[in-house]
């Protein structure tokens, strides 16, 4: 074990560093080709935080779904609470993205399975406006 620590502390030659860098790049390319992988282009420093948070959340959701209800693992009620909270956060992020696009005058196309909360067809009708519309339609 001490041998490994000594080896780690030794400085690598430029050739060794380049070889390690190329090995990491090759592993990334292999993973990117898998069907269960996604590739994200980092445009801001925030992206790294989101990627790390998402990776942890994805891993934990997988564990929770596999272990909920099993004796000694996670209680179904607690698992449901976590799953519900994750759904709420996803909806909140979708709304935030739509708000930012609206503020910047950009079109927002939500991910599959989500609606743009500011599109007229998806917005809940204002109860007063809906009532006025119903009343004016029945008057004629």
Foldseek 3Di string as FASTA:
>chain_A
DVVVVVVVPDDDDPVVVVVVVVVVVVVVVVQCPDPPDDDDDDPDPCVVVVVVVVVVVVVVLVVLVVDEPDPPGHDVVVSVVVVVVVVVVVLVVLQVVLVVCVVVVHDDDGPPPDDNCPDPVNDDDDVVVVVVVVVVVVVD
